[in-house]
Amino acid sequence: MNPIVRSGAAARAGALLILLGPLVSWLAEFVTAAAWQDPPYAPLHHWVSHLGLTGPPQTAFGQAANSPLGAVMDTGWVIYGILLVVGVFLVFDPRKGVRPVIIMILAVLAGVGVCLVGVFQGSNANVDNGLIAFHTFGAQSVMLAGNVMAIVAGAGGARIGLSRSRSIVSIALGTVGLIAFPVFLADVYTGWMWNVGMLERAVIYPIMIGHALLGSSVAAAQRHLATRPLMPLDTRFAS
């Protein structure tokens, strides 16, 4: 089966970038959440995006928000988006068919989306001036495109370097995220707001795990190709 990824140093670097993106974001989230102590940040209750609020303490979207290190979270999201887009463009070869092109388009939508979340905060000020539209568009773009990307990558896992088990996991992650997405929206738009942080993470974390799975799988496949011994010269001539 013809691979849809590049080979060599560029592909190895791209795989590393794809892997690093979610790791950087998770680290930023951990550090930012740990600094939020008044009241303590509750991952199941609080919005994820409230970690990125850099303004004064406020009540935004029905929740008290006070994130002293909001800029750290915003920076983590922007870095994540950039690493994802650059990494995917280094790894996938658009000359190899429709699938790599689709994955690259989905990666751009997800990467730009998470960058928008980091640049345009979900604050009261942005609600008043209308910039919240960019935040909302970015969040929903990454939620949809990121989970669809996990499914598309998993479905073509054999041509990317994913094992059968990892391909199945990638498809399952994207499916879980897509199922959780309308549940999360219903929780928000009905005003119920039950454990909105948990439901939001049920949409987002499958994407991040999928990216980490993709990056590590491509890196391992490329390392295997780089270390695979060449056939003896007479065997190559015979073939």
Protein backbone atom coordinates (compact mmCIF):
# COMPACT_ATOMS: atom_id res chain seq x y z
CA MET A 1 0.00 0.00 0.00
CA ASN A 2 1.47 3.34 -1.05
CA PRO A 3 2.35 5.64 1.86
CA ILE A 4 0.91 9.17 1.97
CA VAL A 5 3.66 10.57 4.15
CA ARG A 6 7.04 11.93 3.24
CA SER A 7 10.24 10.27 4.36
CA GLY A 8 13.48 11.53 5.78
CA ALA A 9 14.39 14.33 8.15
CA ALA A 10 11.41 16.53 7.27
CA ALA A 11 8.90 13.80 8.13
CA ARG A 12 10.69 12.98 11.39
CA ALA A 13 10.71 16.65 12.38
CA GLY A 14 7.05 17.02 11.45
CA ALA A 15 6.07 13.97 13.50
CA LEU A 16 7.86 15.42 16.51
CA LEU A 17 6.02 18.74 16.11
CA ILE A 18 2.65 16.98 15.90
CA LEU A 19 3.50 15.07 19.08
CA LEU A 20 4.78 18.14 20.94
CA GLY A 21 1.67 20.25 20.25
CA PRO A 22 -0.74 18.54 22.67
CA LEU A 23 2.05 17.99 25.21
CA VAL A 24 2.79 21.72 25.30
CA SER A 25 -0.92 22.49 25.65
CA TRP A 26 -1.40 19.98 28.46
CA LEU A 27 1.62 21.38 30.32
CA ALA A 28 0.29 24.92 29.95
CA GLU A 29 -3.12 23.77 31.18
CA PHE A 30 -1.65 22.05 34.23
CA VAL A 31 0.47 25.05 35.19
CA THR A 32 -2.34 27.55 34.61
CA ALA A 33 -4.93 25.49 36.49
CA ALA A 34 -2.55 25.06 39.44
CA ALA A 35 -2.15 28.85 39.70
CA TRP A 36 -5.95 29.40 39.76
CA GLN A 37 -6.69 29.24 43.50
CA ASP A 38 -9.45 31.78 44.19
CA PRO A 39 -11.62 29.74 44.00
CA PRO A 40 -9.63 26.60 43.09
CA TYR A 41 -10.00 25.59 39.46
CA ALA A 42 -12.36 22.62 39.01
CA PRO A 43 -11.70 20.78 35.70
CA LEU A 44 -15.11 19.11 35.63
CA HIS A 45 -16.97 22.36 36.30
CA HIS A 46 -15.00 25.23 34.78
CA TRP A 47 -14.72 26.04 31.10
CA VAL A 48 -11.37 25.11 29.58
CA SER A 49 -11.15 28.47 27.81
CA HIS A 50 -11.56 30.34 31.11
CA LEU A 51 -7.99 29.31 31.89
CA GLY A 52 -6.93 31.78 29.18
CA LEU A 53 -8.67 34.84 30.64
CA THR A 54 -5.99 37.43 31.37
CA GLY A 55 -8.20 40.27 32.57
CA PRO A 56 -9.45 41.01 36.07
CA PRO A 57 -11.52 38.42 37.94
CA GLN A 58 -14.97 38.29 36.37
CA THR A 59 -18.09 36.22 35.96
CA ALA A 60 -18.08 35.06 32.35
CA PHE A 61 -20.58 32.64 30.79
CA GLY A 62 -22.10 31.93 34.17
CA GLN A 63 -18.87 31.06 35.98
CA ALA A 64 -16.49 32.94 38.23
CA ALA A 65 -13.15 33.23 36.45
CA ASN A 66 -9.80 34.17 37.94
CA SER A 67 -6.77 32.87 36.03
CA PRO A 68 -3.53 34.57 37.16
CA LEU A 69 -1.49 32.79 34.46
CA GLY A 70 -4.00 33.13 31.65
CA ALA A 71 -1.27 34.25 29.24
CA VAL A 72 0.50 30.92 29.75
CA MET A 73 -2.59 29.03 28.61
CA ASP A 74 -3.13 31.34 25.63
CA THR A 75 0.49 30.89 24.59
CA GLY A 76 0.17 27.11 24.90
CA TRP A 77 -2.84 27.09 22.59
CA VAL A 78 -1.17 29.26 19.96
CA ILE A 79 1.98 27.12 20.04
CA TYR A 80 -0.16 23.98 19.73
CA GLY A 81 -1.94 25.31 16.65
CA ILE A 82 1.27 26.37 14.94
CA LEU A 83 3.07 23.09 15.68
CA LEU A 84 0.11 21.09 14.36
CA VAL A 85 -0.10 22.91 11.03
CA VAL A 86 3.66 22.99 10.41
CA GLY A 87 4.04 19.37 11.49
CA VAL A 88 1.27 18.06 9.25
CA PHE A 89 2.65 19.93 6.24
CA LEU A 90 6.07 18.40 6.87
CA VAL A 91 4.69 14.88 7.28
CA PHE A 92 2.00 14.51 4.62
CA ASP A 93 2.59 14.58 0.88
CA PRO A 94 -0.34 16.17 -1.01
CA ARG A 95 0.87 14.55 -4.24
CA LYS A 96 -0.12 11.14 -2.89
CA GLY A 97 -3.88 11.56 -3.32
CA VAL A 98 -7.00 12.96 -1.74
CA ARG A 99 -6.53 11.63 1.80
CA PRO A 100 -3.37 13.60 2.66
CA VAL A 101 -4.96 16.75 1.24
CA ILE A 102 -8.04 16.22 3.42
CA ILE A 103 -5.87 15.64 6.50
CA MET A 104 -3.90 18.82 5.77
CA ILE A 105 -7.10 20.87 5.35
CA LEU A 106 -8.50 19.49 8.61
CA ALA A 107 -5.21 20.22 10.38
CA VAL A 108 -5.30 23.84 9.18
CA LEU A 109 -8.88 24.25 10.42
CA ALA A 110 -8.00 22.70 13.78
CA GLY A 111 -4.70 24.57 14.11
CA VAL A 112 -6.13 27.96 13.19
CA GLY A 113 -9.09 27.22 15.45
CA VAL A 114 -7.00 26.58 18.55
CA CYS A 115 -4.90 29.67 17.77
CA LEU A 116 -8.07 31.77 17.62
CA VAL A 117 -9.08 30.45 21.05
CA GLY A 118 -5.74 31.62 22.41
CA VAL A 119 -5.81 35.03 20.74
CA PHE A 120 -9.48 35.94 21.27
CA GLN A 121 -10.44 35.15 24.85
CA GLY A 122 -13.90 34.18 26.06
CA SER A 123 -14.15 37.32 28.17
CA ASN A 124 -16.99 39.74 28.90
CA ALA A 125 -15.06 42.45 27.06
CA ASN A 126 -14.97 40.35 23.89
CA VAL A 127 -18.66 39.57 24.25
CA ASP A 128 -19.35 43.32 24.34
CA ASN A 129 -17.13 44.21 21.37
CA GLY A 130 -18.14 41.23 19.23
CA LEU A 131 -14.73 39.54 19.12
CA ILE A 132 -16.20 36.56 20.93
CA ALA A 133 -17.32 35.37 17.47
CA PHE A 134 -13.68 34.54 16.64
CA HIS A 135 -13.30 32.64 19.91
CA THR A 136 -16.48 30.64 19.29
CA PHE A 137 -15.60 29.94 15.66
CA GLY A 138 -12.12 28.80 16.66
CA ALA A 139 -13.36 26.51 19.42
CA GLN A 140 -16.00 24.84 17.29
CA SER A 141 -13.62 24.54 14.33
CA VAL A 142 -11.04 22.63 16.32
CA MET A 143 -13.73 20.47 17.95
CA LEU A 144 -15.15 19.36 14.61
CA ALA A 145 -12.06 19.34 12.39
CA GLY A 146 -9.82 17.79 15.03
CA ASN A 147 -12.10 14.82 15.67
CA VAL A 148 -12.80 14.26 11.97
CA MET A 149 -9.03 14.36 11.38
CA ALA A 150 -8.54 11.57 13.93
CA ILE A 151 -11.08 9.42 12.08
CA VAL A 152 -9.61 10.13 8.63
CA ALA A 153 -6.07 9.46 9.85
CA GLY A 154 -7.13 6.24 11.53
CA ALA A 155 -8.99 5.05 8.44
CA GLY A 156 -5.80 5.51 6.42
CA GLY A 157 -3.50 4.35 9.18
CA ALA A 158 -1.74 1.68 7.12
CA ARG A 159 -0.59 4.36 4.65
CA ILE A 160 0.59 6.66 7.44
CA GLY A 161 2.50 4.30 9.68
CA LEU A 162 -0.13 3.51 12.31
CA SER A 163 -0.50 -0.08 13.43
CA ARG A 164 -3.93 -1.68 13.16
CA SER A 165 -4.58 -1.22 16.87
CA ARG A 166 -3.54 2.44 16.78
CA SER A 167 -5.69 3.03 13.72
CA ILE A 168 -8.70 1.63 15.56
CA VAL A 169 -7.93 3.76 18.61
CA SER A 170 -7.65 6.89 16.44
CA ILE A 171 -11.03 6.20 14.83
CA ALA A 172 -12.58 5.50 18.24
CA LEU A 173 -11.18 8.73 19.69
CA GLY A 174 -12.59 10.84 16.87
CA THR A 175 -15.95 9.10 17.14
CA VAL A 176 -16.15 9.70 20.89
CA GLY A 177 -15.28 13.37 20.37
CA LEU A 178 -17.91 13.82 17.68
CA ILE A 179 -20.57 12.15 19.83
CA ALA A 180 -19.66 14.34 22.81
CA PHE A 181 -19.77 17.53 20.71
CA PRO A 182 -23.60 17.84 20.37
CA VAL A 183 -24.01 16.73 24.00
CA PHE A 184 -21.68 19.53 25.06
CA LEU A 185 -23.53 22.08 22.90
CA ALA A 186 -26.90 20.96 24.29
CA ASP A 187 -25.57 21.31 27.83
CA VAL A 188 -24.48 24.88 27.05
CA TYR A 189 -27.34 26.20 24.94
CA THR A 190 -30.10 24.76 27.13
CA GLY A 191 -28.57 26.59 30.08
CA TRP A 192 -28.23 23.38 32.08
CA MET A 193 -24.42 23.77 32.31
CA TRP A 194 -23.97 20.41 34.04
CA ASN A 195 -20.25 19.67 34.41
CA VAL A 196 -19.55 21.73 31.31
CA GLY A 197 -15.79 21.38 31.83
CA MET A 198 -16.04 17.60 31.73
CA LEU A 199 -18.15 17.57 28.57
CA GLU A 200 -15.89 20.13 26.91
CA ARG A 201 -12.88 17.97 27.64
CA ALA A 202 -14.74 14.93 26.31
CA VAL A 203 -14.69 16.73 22.95
CA ILE A 204 -11.19 18.20 23.15
CA TYR A 205 -9.06 15.51 24.77
CA PRO A 206 -9.74 12.86 22.10
CA ILE A 207 -8.31 15.32 19.56
CA MET A 208 -5.19 15.90 21.62
CA ILE A 209 -4.67 12.19 22.29
CA GLY A 210 -5.21 11.53 18.58
CA HIS A 211 -2.52 14.05 17.65
CA ALA A 212 -0.09 12.55 20.16
CA LEU A 213 -0.88 9.09 18.77
CA LEU A 214 -0.37 10.27 15.19
CA GLY A 215 2.90 12.06 15.90
CA SER A 216 4.41 9.21 17.91
CA SER A 217 3.33 6.61 15.33
CA VAL A 218 4.81 8.49 12.38
CA ALA A 219 8.00 9.12 14.35
CA ALA A 220 8.33 5.42 15.15
CA ALA A 221 7.64 4.40 11.55
CA GLN A 222 10.20 6.87 10.23
CA ARG A 223 12.78 5.71 12.75
CA HIS A 224 12.18 2.12 11.66
CA LEU A 225 12.71 3.07 8.01
CA ALA A 226 15.88 4.99 8.85
CA THR A 227 17.41 2.07 10.76
CA ARG A 228 16.24 -0.75 8.48
CA PRO A 229 19.31 -2.42 6.95
CA LEU A 230 19.65 -2.34 3.17
CA MET A 231 19.28 -5.58 1.24
CA PRO A 232 22.55 -7.12 0.05
CA LEU A 233 23.72 -5.70 -3.24
CA ASP A 234 23.24 -8.95 -5.18
CA THR A 235 19.68 -9.28 -3.84
CA ARG A 236 18.84 -5.75 -4.97
CA PHE A 237 20.23 -6.45 -8.44
CA ALA A 238 18.22 -9.65 -8.63
CA SER A 239 15.01 -7.84 -7.72
